Amino acid sequence: MSKQEDRDKHSSRLHADDTAIRKQVKIAKAHGIEIKEPHKLVKHHALDCGVPNCPMCSSPRKTYKQPTIQEKSFDQTKAWVDEGELDDALDKMARLSDEMGLGLYDEIDYIKKR
């Protein structure tokens, strides 16, 4: 890589961090939350309490051993699709999620195991 490419990547990372901070500060202000250290909002959401086992913030799969809303939706879709077409539909979903950068591999594997 050339030095200019490195500079461009570095500046885009800094810009992404600044944008994330600005968005989270805006959300916090809209909800009346005072932010004293905005730099901490780069990787954490303003409305997240930070407790991993919080019933409001954590995944229902972790706390209650229940499927998430997205997994329930996939189960419903699975019921609509015939068994012969299921693998084709899941492969198409995997390709589309990969193209859009959604990363739904865990959910698709969850459906295939059922």
PDB file of N, CA and C in Angstrom:
ATOM      1  N   MET A   1       0.835  -1.186   0.000  1.00  0.00           N
ATOM      2  CA  MET A   1       0.000   0.000   0.000  1.00  0.00           C
ATOM      3  C   MET A   1       0.874   1.243   0.000  1.00  0.00           C
ATOM      4  N   SER A   2       0.402   2.218  -0.670  1.00  0.00           N
ATOM      5  CA  SER A   2       1.148   3.466  -0.669  1.00  0.00           C
ATOM      6  C   SER A   2       0.808   4.283   0.565  1.00  0.00           C
ATOM      7  N   LYS A   3       1.588   5.280   0.799  1.00  0.00           N
ATOM      8  CA  LYS A   3       1.369   6.112   1.975  1.00  0.00           C
ATOM      9  C   LYS A   3       0.086   6.920   1.858  1.00  0.00           C
ATOM     10  N   GLN A   4      -0.281   7.307   0.648  1.00  0.00           N
ATOM     11  CA  GLN A   4      -1.508   8.073   0.473  1.00  0.00           C
ATOM     12  C   GLN A   4      -2.731   7.216   0.819  1.00  0.00           C
ATOM     13  N   GLU A   5      -2.701   5.943   0.434  1.00  0.00           N
ATOM     14  CA  GLU A   5      -3.807   5.045   0.776  1.00  0.00           C
ATOM     15  C   GLU A   5      -3.927   4.892   2.286  1.00  0.00           C
ATOM     16  N   ASP A   6      -2.794   4.785   2.964  1.00  0.00           N
ATOM     17  CA  ASP A   6      -2.802   4.679   4.423  1.00  0.00           C
ATOM     18  C   ASP A   6      -3.410   5.931   5.054  1.00  0.00           C
ATOM     19  N   ARG A   7      -3.029   7.083   4.523  1.00  0.00           N
ATOM     20  CA  ARG A   7      -3.587   8.337   5.050  1.00  0.00           C
ATOM     21  C   ARG A   7      -5.088   8.414   4.822  1.00  0.00           C
ATOM     22  N   ASP A   8      -5.526   7.976   3.652  1.00  0.00           N
ATOM     23  CA  ASP A   8      -6.959   8.008   3.346  1.00  0.00           C
ATOM     24  C   ASP A   8      -7.742   7.086   4.281  1.00  0.00           C
ATOM     25  N   LYS A   9      -7.219   5.892   4.500  1.00  0.00           N
ATOM     26  CA  LYS A   9      -7.894   4.957   5.398  1.00  0.00           C
ATOM     27  C   LYS A   9      -7.941   5.497   6.822  1.00  0.00           C
ATOM     28  N   HIS A  10      -6.835   6.076   7.257  1.00  0.00           N
ATOM     29  CA  HIS A  10      -6.774   6.635   8.608  1.00  0.00           C
ATOM     30  C   HIS A  10      -7.771   7.781   8.765  1.00  0.00           C
ATOM     31  N   SER A  11      -7.829   8.651   7.780  1.00  0.00           N
ATOM     32  CA  SER A  11      -8.758   9.776   7.878  1.00  0.00           C
ATOM     33  C   SER A  11     -10.207   9.312   7.828  1.00  0.00           C
ATOM     34  N   SER A  12     -10.491   8.264   7.055  1.00  0.00           N
ATOM     35  CA  SER A  12     -11.866   7.764   7.011  1.00  0.00           C
ATOM     36  C   SER A  12     -12.253   7.102   8.340  1.00  0.00           C
ATOM     37  N   ARG A  13     -11.296   6.430   9.002  1.00  0.00           N
ATOM     38  CA  ARG A  13     -11.582   5.857  10.320  1.00  0.00           C
ATOM     39  C   ARG A  13     -11.867   6.948  11.335  1.00  0.00           C
ATOM     40  N   LEU A  14     -11.053   8.014  11.315  1.00  0.00           N
ATOM     41  CA  LEU A  14     -11.285   9.126  12.235  1.00  0.00           C
ATOM     42  C   LEU A  14     -12.627   9.790  11.967  1.00  0.00           C
ATOM     43  N   HIS A  15     -12.964   9.954  10.698  1.00  0.00           N
ATOM     44  CA  HIS A  15     -14.248  10.559  10.343  1.00  0.00           C
ATOM     45  C   HIS A  15     -15.414   9.692  10.808  1.00  0.00           C
ATOM     46  N   ALA A  16     -15.281   8.378  10.639  1.00  0.00           N
ATOM     47  CA  ALA A  16     -16.342   7.467  11.081  1.00  0.00           C
ATOM     48  C   ALA A  16     -16.530   7.553  12.594  1.00  0.00           C
ATOM     49  N   ASP A  17     -15.433   7.632  13.340  1.00  0.00           N
ATOM     50  CA  ASP A  17     -15.528   7.765  14.798  1.00  0.00           C
ATOM     51  C   ASP A  17     -16.203   9.080  15.187  1.00  0.00           C
ATOM     52  N   ASP A  18     -15.803  10.170  14.538  1.00  0.00           N
ATOM     53  CA  ASP A  18     -16.414  11.464  14.838  1.00  0.00           C
ATOM     54  C   ASP A  18     -17.903  11.468  14.521  1.00  0.00           C
ATOM     55  N   THR A  19     -18.270  10.837  13.408  1.00  0.00           N
ATOM     56  CA  THR A  19     -19.678  10.761  13.024  1.00  0.00           C
ATOM     57  C   THR A  19     -20.471   9.949  14.040  1.00  0.00           C
ATOM     58  N   ALA A  20     -19.910   8.833  14.489  1.00  0.00           N
ATOM     59  CA  ALA A  20     -20.589   8.002  15.482  1.00  0.00           C
ATOM     60  C   ALA A  20     -20.790   8.773  16.784  1.00  0.00           C
ATOM     61  N   ILE A  21     -19.787   9.504  17.197  1.00  0.00           N
ATOM     62  CA  ILE A  21     -19.888  10.292  18.431  1.00  0.00           C
ATOM     63  C   ILE A  21     -20.982  11.346  18.283  1.00  0.00           C
ATOM     64  N   ARG A  22     -20.970  12.069  17.151  1.00  0.00           N
ATOM     65  CA  ARG A  22     -21.978  13.112  16.944  1.00  0.00           C
ATOM     66  C   ARG A  22     -23.393  12.545  16.963  1.00  0.00           C
ATOM     67  N   LYS A  23     -23.591  11.381  16.339  1.00  0.00           N
ATOM     68  CA  LYS A  23     -24.921  10.765  16.309  1.00  0.00           C
ATOM     69  C   LYS A  23     -25.377  10.376  17.711  1.00  0.00           C
ATOM     70  N   GLN A  24     -24.486   9.769  18.489  1.00  0.00           N
ATOM     71  CA  GLN A  24     -24.855   9.336  19.831  1.00  0.00           C
ATOM     72  C   GLN A  24     -25.102  10.521  20.760  1.00  0.00           C
ATOM     73  N   VAL A  25     -24.330  11.600  20.609  1.00  0.00           N
ATOM     74  CA  VAL A  25     -24.554  12.801  21.417  1.00  0.00           C
ATOM     75  C   VAL A  25     -25.906  13.415  21.066  1.00  0.00           C
ATOM     76  N   LYS A  26     -26.246  13.406  19.785  1.00  0.00           N
ATOM     77  CA  LYS A  26     -27.541  13.930  19.345  1.00  0.00           C
ATOM     78  C   LYS A  26     -28.690  13.105  19.942  1.00  0.00           C
ATOM     79  N   ILE A  27     -28.537  11.792  19.957  1.00  0.00           N
ATOM     80  CA  ILE A  27     -29.557  10.914  20.547  1.00  0.00           C
ATOM     81  C   ILE A  27     -29.678  11.180  22.041  1.00  0.00           C
ATOM     82  N   ALA A  28     -28.541  11.321  22.704  1.00  0.00           N
ATOM     83  CA  ALA A  28     -28.552  11.563  24.150  1.00  0.00           C
ATOM     84  C   ALA A  28     -29.220  12.899  24.468  1.00  0.00           C
ATOM     85  N   LYS A  29     -28.917  13.934  23.699  1.00  0.00           N
ATOM     86  CA  LYS A  29     -29.542  15.240  23.930  1.00  0.00           C
ATOM     87  C   LYS A  29     -31.046  15.184  23.712  1.00  0.00           C
ATOM     88  N   ALA A  30     -31.486  14.427  22.717  1.00  0.00           N
ATOM     89  CA  ALA A  30     -32.916  14.298  22.438  1.00  0.00           C
ATOM     90  C   ALA A  30     -33.648  13.637  23.602  1.00  0.00           C
ATOM     91  N   HIS A  31     -32.951  12.776  24.342  1.00  0.00           N
ATOM     92  CA  HIS A  31     -33.561  12.093  25.486  1.00  0.00           C
ATOM     93  C   HIS A  31     -33.229  12.768  26.812  1.00  0.00           C
ATOM     94  N   GLY A  32     -32.567  13.913  26.755  1.00  0.00           N
ATOM     95  CA  GLY A  32     -32.275  14.668  27.967  1.00  0.00           C
ATOM     96  C   GLY A  32     -31.156  14.103  28.812  1.00  0.00           C
ATOM     97  N   ILE A  33     -30.241  13.383  28.203  1.00  0.00           N
ATOM     98  CA  ILE A  33     -29.119  12.803  28.927  1.00  0.00           C
ATOM     99  C   ILE A  33     -27.904  13.705  28.737  1.00  0.00           C
ATOM    100  N   GLU A  34     -27.263  14.067  29.837  1.00  0.00           N
ATOM    101  CA  GLU A  34     -26.074  14.910  29.764  1.00  0.00           C
ATOM    102  C   GLU A  34     -24.856  14.034  29.526  1.00  0.00           C
ATOM    103  N   ILE A  35     -24.065  14.379  28.538  1.00  0.00           N
ATOM    104  CA  ILE A  35     -22.863  13.630  28.196  1.00  0.00           C
ATOM    105  C   ILE A  35     -21.647  14.444  28.616  1.00  0.00           C
ATOM    106  N   LYS A  36     -20.852  13.882  29.547  1.00  0.00           N
ATOM    107  CA  LYS A  36     -19.658  14.574  30.022  1.00  0.00           C
ATOM    108  C   LYS A  36     -18.420  14.161  29.237  1.00  0.00           C
ATOM    109  N   GLU A  37     -18.383  12.911  28.792  1.00  0.00           N
ATOM    110  CA  GLU A  37     -17.233  12.395  28.061  1.00  0.00           C
ATOM    111  C   GLU A  37     -17.714  11.774  26.744  1.00  0.00           C
ATOM    112  N   PRO A  38     -17.902  12.588  25.705  1.00  0.00           N
ATOM    113  CA  PRO A  38     -18.469  12.055  24.460  1.00  0.00           C
ATOM    114  C   PRO A  38     -17.563  11.055  23.749  1.00  0.00           C
ATOM    115  N   HIS A  39     -16.263  11.075  24.014  1.00  0.00           N
ATOM    116  CA  HIS A  39     -15.363  10.138  23.336  1.00  0.00           C
ATOM    117  C   HIS A  39     -15.667   8.684  23.690  1.00  0.00           C
ATOM    118  N   LYS A  40     -16.381   8.460  24.788  1.00  0.00           N
ATOM    119  CA  LYS A  40     -16.730   7.091  25.178  1.00  0.00           C
ATOM    120  C   LYS A  40     -17.858   6.514  24.320  1.00  0.00           C
ATOM    121  N   LEU A  41     -18.490   7.366  23.516  1.00  0.00           N
ATOM    122  CA  LEU A  41     -19.616   6.921  22.703  1.00  0.00           C
ATOM    123  C   LEU A  41     -19.194   6.398  21.336  1.00  0.00           C
ATOM    124  N   VAL A  42     -17.901   6.204  21.120  1.00  0.00           N
ATOM    125  CA  VAL A  42     -17.453   5.693  19.834  1.00  0.00           C
ATOM    126  C   VAL A  42     -17.939   4.265  19.640  1.00  0.00           C
ATOM    127  N   LYS A  43     -17.807   3.436  20.667  1.00  0.00           N
ATOM    128  CA  LYS A  43     -18.166   2.022  20.540  1.00  0.00           C
ATOM    129  C   LYS A  43     -19.386   1.624  21.364  1.00  0.00           C
ATOM    130  N   HIS A  44     -19.963   2.560  22.112  1.00  0.00           N
ATOM    131  CA  HIS A  44     -21.117   2.250  22.946  1.00  0.00           C
ATOM    132  C   HIS A  44     -22.261   3.187  22.612  1.00  0.00           C
ATOM    133  N   HIS A  45     -23.473   2.699  22.726  1.00  0.00           N
ATOM    134  CA  HIS A  45     -24.649   3.517  22.446  1.00  0.00           C
ATOM    135  C   HIS A  45     -24.995   4.368  23.655  1.00  0.00           C
ATOM    136  N   ALA A  46     -25.588   5.508  23.392  1.00  0.00           N
ATOM    137  CA  ALA A  46     -25.925   6.445  24.463  1.00  0.00           C
ATOM    138  C   ALA A  46     -27.033   5.900  25.361  1.00  0.00           C
ATOM    139  N   LEU A  47     -27.954   5.125  24.809  1.00  0.00           N
ATOM    140  CA  LEU A  47     -29.083   4.640  25.584  1.00  0.00           C
ATOM    141  C   LEU A  47     -28.874   3.231  26.133  1.00  0.00           C
ATOM    142  N   ASP A  48     -27.692   2.674  25.948  1.00  0.00           N
ATOM    143  CA  ASP A  48     -27.384   1.345  26.471  1.00  0.00           C
ATOM    144  C   ASP A  48     -26.875   1.498  27.903  1.00  0.00           C
ATOM    145  N   CYS A  49     -27.421   0.697  28.813  1.00  0.00           N
ATOM    146  CA  CYS A  49     -27.045   0.841  30.217  1.00  0.00           C
ATOM    147  C   CYS A  49     -25.662   0.260  30.512  1.00  0.00           C
ATOM    148  N   GLY A  50     -25.179  -0.660  29.677  1.00  0.00           N
ATOM    149  CA  GLY A  50     -23.853  -1.219  29.871  1.00  0.00           C
ATOM    150  C   GLY A  50     -23.821  -2.488  30.694  1.00  0.00           C
ATOM    151  N   VAL A  51     -24.959  -2.928  31.200  1.00  0.00           N
ATOM    152  CA  VAL A  51     -25.023  -4.158  31.993  1.00  0.00           C
ATOM    153  C   VAL A  51     -25.343  -5.319  31.043  1.00  0.00           C
ATOM    154  N   PRO A  52     -24.474  -6.329  30.936  1.00  0.00           N
ATOM    155  CA  PRO A  52     -24.683  -7.396  29.962  1.00  0.00           C
ATOM    156  C   PRO A  52     -25.958  -8.204  30.195  1.00  0.00           C
ATOM    157  N   ASN A  53     -26.389  -8.379  31.430  1.00  0.00           N
ATOM    158  CA  ASN A  53     -27.566  -9.195  31.712  1.00  0.00           C
ATOM    159  C   ASN A  53     -28.835  -8.368  31.882  1.00  0.00           C
ATOM    160  N   CYS A  54     -28.814  -7.124  31.475  1.00  0.00           N
ATOM    161  CA  CYS A  54     -29.990  -6.269  31.584  1.00  0.00           C
ATOM    162  C   CYS A  54     -31.103  -6.813  30.696  1.00  0.00           C
ATOM    163  N   PRO A  55     -32.303  -7.022  31.216  1.00  0.00           N
ATOM    164  CA  PRO A  55     -33.378  -7.582  30.397  1.00  0.00           C
ATOM    165  C   PRO A  55     -33.822  -6.660  29.266  1.00  0.00           C
ATOM    166  N   MET A  56     -33.582  -5.370  29.390  1.00  0.00           N
ATOM    167  CA  MET A  56     -33.997  -4.439  28.342  1.00  0.00           C
ATOM    168  C   MET A  56     -32.953  -4.330  27.231  1.00  0.00           C
ATOM    169  N   CYS A  57     -31.684  -4.483  27.566  1.00  0.00           N
ATOM    170  CA  CYS A  57     -30.611  -4.238  26.599  1.00  0.00           C
ATOM    171  C   CYS A  57     -30.026  -5.508  26.002  1.00  0.00           C
ATOM    172  N   SER A  58     -30.122  -6.637  26.681  1.00  0.00           N
ATOM    173  CA  SER A  58     -29.442  -7.837  26.207  1.00  0.00           C
ATOM    174  C   SER A  58     -30.319  -8.626  25.248  1.00  0.00           C
ATOM    175  N   SER A  59     -29.717  -9.632  24.662  1.00  0.00           N
ATOM    176  CA  SER A  59     -30.413 -10.496  23.719  1.00  0.00           C
ATOM    177  C   SER A  59     -31.342 -11.442  24.481  1.00  0.00           C
ATOM    178  N   PRO A  60     -32.588 -11.617  24.006  1.00  0.00           N
ATOM    179  CA  PRO A  60     -33.488 -12.543  24.705  1.00  0.00           C
ATOM    180  C   PRO A  60     -32.993 -13.981  24.668  1.00  0.00           C
ATOM    181  N   ARG A  61     -32.152 -14.304  23.680  1.00  0.00           N
ATOM    182  CA  ARG A  61     -31.611 -15.652  23.608  1.00  0.00           C
ATOM    183  C   ARG A  61     -30.694 -15.914  24.791  1.00  0.00           C
ATOM    184  N   LYS A  62     -29.975 -14.890  25.228  1.00  0.00           N
ATOM    185  CA  LYS A  62     -29.046 -15.055  26.342  1.00  0.00           C
ATOM    186  C   LYS A  62     -29.759 -15.064  27.687  1.00  0.00           C
ATOM    187  N   THR A  63     -30.716 -14.165  27.885  1.00  0.00           N
ATOM    188  CA  THR A  63     -31.321 -14.031  29.205  1.00  0.00           C
ATOM    189  C   THR A  63     -32.479 -14.986  29.438  1.00  0.00           C
ATOM    190  N   TYR A  64     -33.331 -15.162  28.443  1.00  0.00           N
ATOM    191  CA  TYR A  64     -34.543 -15.967  28.640  1.00  0.00           C
ATOM    192  C   TYR A  64     -34.551 -17.269  27.852  1.00  0.00           C
ATOM    193  N   LYS A  65     -33.478 -17.544  27.117  1.00  0.00           N
ATOM    194  CA  LYS A  65     -33.387 -18.746  26.275  1.00  0.00           C
ATOM    195  C   LYS A  65     -34.514 -18.781  25.248  1.00  0.00           C
ATOM    196  N   GLN A  66     -34.881 -17.613  24.716  1.00  0.00           N
ATOM    197  CA  GLN A  66     -35.917 -17.500  23.699  1.00  0.00           C
ATOM    198  C   GLN A  66     -35.282 -17.016  22.402  1.00  0.00           C
ATOM    199  N   PRO A  67     -35.900 -17.337  21.270  1.00  0.00           N
ATOM    200  CA  PRO A  67     -35.365 -16.823  20.004  1.00  0.00           C
ATOM    201  C   PRO A  67     -35.594 -15.315  19.886  1.00  0.00           C
ATOM    202  N   THR A  68     -34.717 -14.655  19.145  1.00  0.00           N
ATOM    203  CA  THR A  68     -34.863 -13.222  18.931  1.00  0.00           C
ATOM    204  C   THR A  68     -36.005 -12.970  17.955  1.00  0.00           C
ATOM    205  N   ILE A  69     -36.368 -11.722  17.774  1.00  0.00           N
ATOM    206  CA  ILE A  69     -37.447 -11.369  16.846  1.00  0.00           C
ATOM    207  C   ILE A  69     -37.081 -11.803  15.435  1.00  0.00           C
ATOM    208  N   GLN A  70     -35.813 -11.615  15.076  1.00  0.00           N
ATOM    209  CA  GLN A  70     -35.378 -11.994  13.740  1.00  0.00           C
ATOM    210  C   GLN A  70     -35.447 -13.513  13.555  1.00  0.00           C
ATOM    211  N   GLU A  71     -35.076 -14.268  14.568  1.00  0.00           N
ATOM    212  CA  GLU A  71     -35.162 -15.730  14.472  1.00  0.00           C
ATOM    213  C   GLU A  71     -36.615 -16.187  14.385  1.00  0.00           C
ATOM    214  N   LYS A  72     -37.512 -15.520  15.110  1.00  0.00           N
ATOM    215  CA  LYS A  72     -38.935 -15.850  14.998  1.00  0.00           C
ATOM    216  C   LYS A  72     -39.440 -15.591  13.583  1.00  0.00           C
ATOM    217  N   SER A  73     -38.983 -14.486  12.989  1.00  0.00           N
ATOM    218  CA  SER A  73     -39.374 -14.160  11.620  1.00  0.00           C
ATOM    219  C   SER A  73     -38.865 -15.221  10.652  1.00  0.00           C
ATOM    220  N   PHE A  74     -37.616 -15.658  10.842  1.00  0.00           N
ATOM    221  CA  PHE A  74     -37.073 -16.705   9.989  1.00  0.00           C
ATOM    222  C   PHE A  74     -37.851 -18.010  10.155  1.00  0.00           C
ATOM    223  N   ASP A  75     -38.246 -18.334  11.387  1.00  0.00           N
ATOM    224  CA  ASP A  75     -39.033 -19.544  11.613  1.00  0.00           C
ATOM    225  C   ASP A  75     -40.372 -19.458  10.892  1.00  0.00           C
ATOM    226  N   GLN A  76     -40.961 -18.277  10.906  1.00  0.00           N
ATOM    227  CA  GLN A  76     -42.228 -18.085  10.215  1.00  0.00           C
ATOM    228  C   GLN A  76     -42.041 -18.241   8.705  1.00  0.00           C
ATOM    229  N   THR A  77     -40.944 -17.692   8.188  1.00  0.00           N
ATOM    230  CA  THR A  77     -40.642 -17.832   6.767  1.00  0.00           C
ATOM    231  C   THR A  77     -40.392 -19.293   6.418  1.00  0.00           C
ATOM    232  N   LYS A  78     -39.740 -19.992   7.322  1.00  0.00           N
ATOM    233  CA  LYS A  78     -39.449 -21.407   7.096  1.00  0.00           C
ATOM    234  C   LYS A  78     -40.752 -22.209   6.991  1.00  0.00           C
ATOM    235  N   ALA A  79     -41.752 -21.842   7.779  1.00  0.00           N
ATOM    236  CA  ALA A  79     -43.030 -22.539   7.731  1.00  0.00           C
ATOM    237  C   ALA A  79     -43.742 -22.305   6.401  1.00  0.00           C
ATOM    238  N   TRP A  80     -43.520 -21.142   5.794  1.00  0.00           N
ATOM    239  CA  TRP A  80     -44.176 -20.835   4.522  1.00  0.00           C
ATOM    240  C   TRP A  80     -43.536 -21.547   3.347  1.00  0.00           C
ATOM    241  N   VAL A  81     -42.240 -21.786   3.440  1.00  0.00           N
ATOM    242  CA  VAL A  81     -41.504 -22.353   2.323  1.00  0.00           C
ATOM    243  C   VAL A  81     -41.523 -23.876   2.437  1.00  0.00           C
ATOM    244  N   ASP A  82     -41.720 -24.553   1.317  1.00  0.00           N
ATOM    245  CA  ASP A  82     -41.682 -26.015   1.310  1.00  0.00           C
ATOM    246  C   ASP A  82     -40.293 -26.494   1.652  1.00  0.00           C
ATOM    247  N   GLU A  83     -40.192 -27.723   2.141  1.00  0.00           N
ATOM    248  CA  GLU A  83     -38.909 -28.280   2.554  1.00  0.00           C
ATOM    249  C   GLU A  83     -37.906 -28.333   1.405  1.00  0.00           C
ATOM    250  N   GLY A  84     -38.345 -28.638   0.183  1.00  0.00           N
ATOM    251  CA  GLY A  84     -37.432 -28.711  -0.953  1.00  0.00           C
ATOM    252  C   GLY A  84     -36.858 -27.364  -1.323  1.00  0.00           C
ATOM    253  N   GLU A  85     -37.632 -26.302  -1.101  1.00  0.00           N
ATOM    254  CA  GLU A  85     -37.189 -24.962  -1.468  1.00  0.00           C
ATOM    255  C   GLU A  85     -36.445 -24.267  -0.335  1.00  0.00           C
ATOM    256  N   LEU A  86     -36.424 -24.850   0.846  1.00  0.00           N
ATOM    257  CA  LEU A  86     -35.851 -24.181   2.010  1.00  0.00           C
ATOM    258  C   LEU A  86     -34.360 -23.902   1.852  1.00  0.00           C
ATOM    259  N   ASP A  87     -33.599 -24.910   1.415  1.00  0.00           N
ATOM    260  CA  ASP A  87     -32.154 -24.712   1.274  1.00  0.00           C
ATOM    261  C   ASP A  87     -31.836 -23.635   0.243  1.00  0.00           C
ATOM    262  N   ASP A  88     -32.602 -23.621  -0.862  1.00  0.00           N
ATOM    263  CA  ASP A  88     -32.385 -22.595  -1.877  1.00  0.00           C
ATOM    264  C   ASP A  88     -32.696 -21.212  -1.327  1.00  0.00           C
ATOM    265  N   ALA A  89     -33.776 -21.101  -0.569  1.00  0.00           N
ATOM    266  CA  ALA A  89     -34.153 -19.813   0.006  1.00  0.00           C
ATOM    267  C   ALA A  89     -33.118 -19.341   1.024  1.00  0.00           C
ATOM    268  N   LEU A  90     -32.598 -20.261   1.847  1.00  0.00           N
ATOM    269  CA  LEU A  90     -31.588 -19.891   2.839  1.00  0.00           C
ATOM    270  C   LEU A  90     -30.274 -19.484   2.175  1.00  0.00           C
ATOM    271  N   ASP A  91     -29.904 -20.192   1.118  1.00  0.00           N
ATOM    272  CA  ASP A  91     -28.693 -19.820   0.397  1.00  0.00           C
ATOM    273  C   ASP A  91     -28.841 -18.440  -0.241  1.00  0.00           C
ATOM    274  N   LYS A  92     -30.036 -18.175  -0.777  1.00  0.00           N
ATOM    275  CA  LYS A  92     -30.287 -16.855  -1.366  1.00  0.00           C
ATOM    276  C   LYS A  92     -30.231 -15.774  -0.280  1.00  0.00           C
ATOM    277  N   MET A  93     -30.806 -16.073   0.900  1.00  0.00           N
ATOM    278  CA  MET A  93     -30.746 -15.121   2.010  1.00  0.00           C
ATOM    279  C   MET A  93     -29.303 -14.867   2.423  1.00  0.00           C
ATOM    280  N   ALA A  94     -28.491 -15.912   2.460  1.00  0.00           N
ATOM    281  CA  ALA A  94     -27.091 -15.764   2.858  1.00  0.00           C
ATOM    282  C   ALA A  94     -26.336 -14.898   1.850  1.00  0.00           C
ATOM    283  N   ARG A  95     -26.594 -15.126   0.549  1.00  0.00           N
ATOM    284  CA  ARG A  95     -25.928 -14.318  -0.471  1.00  0.00           C
ATOM    285  C   ARG A  95     -26.342 -12.855  -0.370  1.00  0.00           C
ATOM    286  N   LEU A  96     -27.644 -12.601  -0.188  1.00  0.00           N
ATOM    287  CA  LEU A  96     -28.126 -11.228  -0.089  1.00  0.00           C
ATOM    288  C   LEU A  96     -27.591 -10.532   1.154  1.00  0.00           C
ATOM    289  N   SER A  97     -27.555 -11.246   2.285  1.00  0.00           N
ATOM    290  CA  SER A  97     -27.033 -10.622   3.508  1.00  0.00           C
ATOM    291  C   SER A  97     -25.546 -10.341   3.371  1.00  0.00           C
ATOM    292  N   ASP A  98     -24.843 -11.203   2.632  1.00  0.00           N
ATOM    293  CA  ASP A  98     -23.421 -10.973   2.413  1.00  0.00           C
ATOM    294  C   ASP A  98     -23.203  -9.754   1.514  1.00  0.00           C
ATOM    295  N   GLU A  99     -24.040  -9.614   0.487  1.00  0.00           N
ATOM    296  CA  GLU A  99     -23.925  -8.464  -0.414  1.00  0.00           C
ATOM    297  C   GLU A  99     -24.233  -7.159   0.314  1.00  0.00           C
ATOM    298  N   MET A 100     -25.201  -7.198   1.217  1.00  0.00           N
ATOM    299  CA  MET A 100     -25.599  -5.982   1.920  1.00  0.00           C
ATOM    300  C   MET A 100     -24.774  -5.764   3.177  1.00  0.00           C
ATOM    301  N   GLY A 101     -23.930  -6.716   3.538  1.00  0.00           N
ATOM    302  CA  GLY A 101     -23.070  -6.565   4.704  1.00  0.00           C
ATOM    303  C   GLY A 101     -23.804  -6.719   6.023  1.00  0.00           C
ATOM    304  N   LEU A 102     -24.878  -7.506   6.040  1.00  0.00           N
ATOM    305  CA  LEU A 102     -25.667  -7.662   7.266  1.00  0.00           C
ATOM    306  C   LEU A 102     -25.093  -8.707   8.209  1.00  0.00           C
ATOM    307  N   GLY A 103     -24.457  -9.721   7.687  1.00  0.00           N
ATOM    308  CA  GLY A 103     -23.846 -10.742   8.534  1.00  0.00           C
ATOM    309  C   GLY A 103     -24.870 -11.583   9.272  1.00  0.00           C
ATOM    310  N   LEU A 104     -25.798 -12.180   8.548  1.00  0.00           N
ATOM    311  CA  LEU A 104     -26.861 -12.971   9.168  1.00  0.00           C
ATOM    312  C   LEU A 104     -26.512 -14.457   9.216  1.00  0.00           C
ATOM    313  N   TYR A 105     -25.243 -14.775   9.250  1.00  0.00           N
ATOM    314  CA  TYR A 105     -24.830 -16.175   9.194  1.00  0.00           C
ATOM    315  C   TYR A 105     -25.304 -16.957  10.420  1.00  0.00           C
ATOM    316  N   ASP A 106     -25.271 -16.362  11.601  1.00  0.00           N
ATOM    317  CA  ASP A 106     -25.708 -17.059  12.808  1.00  0.00           C
ATOM    318  C   ASP A 106     -27.181 -17.411  12.727  1.00  0.00           C
ATOM    319  N   GLU A 107     -27.992 -16.465  12.259  1.00  0.00           N
ATOM    320  CA  GLU A 107     -29.424 -16.716  12.168  1.00  0.00           C
ATOM    321  C   GLU A 107     -29.732 -17.780  11.125  1.00  0.00           C
ATOM    322  N   ILE A 108     -29.020 -17.744   9.997  1.00  0.00           N
ATOM    323  CA  ILE A 108     -29.260 -18.732   8.944  1.00  0.00           C
ATOM    324  C   ILE A 108     -28.826 -20.115   9.417  1.00  0.00           C
ATOM    325  N   ASP A 109     -27.707 -20.205  10.124  1.00  0.00           N
ATOM    326  CA  ASP A 109     -27.284 -21.489  10.688  1.00  0.00           C
ATOM    327  C   ASP A 109     -28.296 -21.990  11.709  1.00  0.00           C
ATOM    328  N   TYR A 110     -28.880 -21.075  12.475  1.00  0.00           N
ATOM    329  CA  TYR A 110     -29.897 -21.431  13.464  1.00  0.00           C
ATOM    330  C   TYR A 110     -31.089 -22.100  12.784  1.00  0.00           C
ATOM    331  N   ILE A 111     -31.483 -21.573  11.627  1.00  0.00           N
ATOM    332  CA  ILE A 111     -32.631 -22.130  10.902  1.00  0.00           C
ATOM    333  C   ILE A 111     -32.278 -23.493  10.321  1.00  0.00           C
ATOM    334  N   LYS A 112     -31.084 -23.612   9.765  1.00  0.00           N
ATOM    335  CA  LYS A 112     -30.687 -24.876   9.125  1.00  0.00           C
ATOM    336  C   LYS A 112     -30.617 -26.010  10.146  1.00  0.00           C
ATOM    337  N   LYS A 113     -30.276 -25.693  11.397  1.00  0.00           N
ATOM    338  CA  LYS A 113     -30.157 -26.731  12.428  1.00  0.00           C
ATOM    339  C   LYS A 113     -31.513 -27.242  12.880  1.00  0.00           C
ATOM    340  N   ARG A 114     -32.547 -26.448  12.705  1.00  0.00           N
ATOM    341  CA  ARG A 114     -33.897 -26.855  13.156  1.00  0.00           C
ATOM    342  C   ARG A 114     -34.519 -27.857  12.251  1.00  0.00           C
TER     343      ARG A 114
END
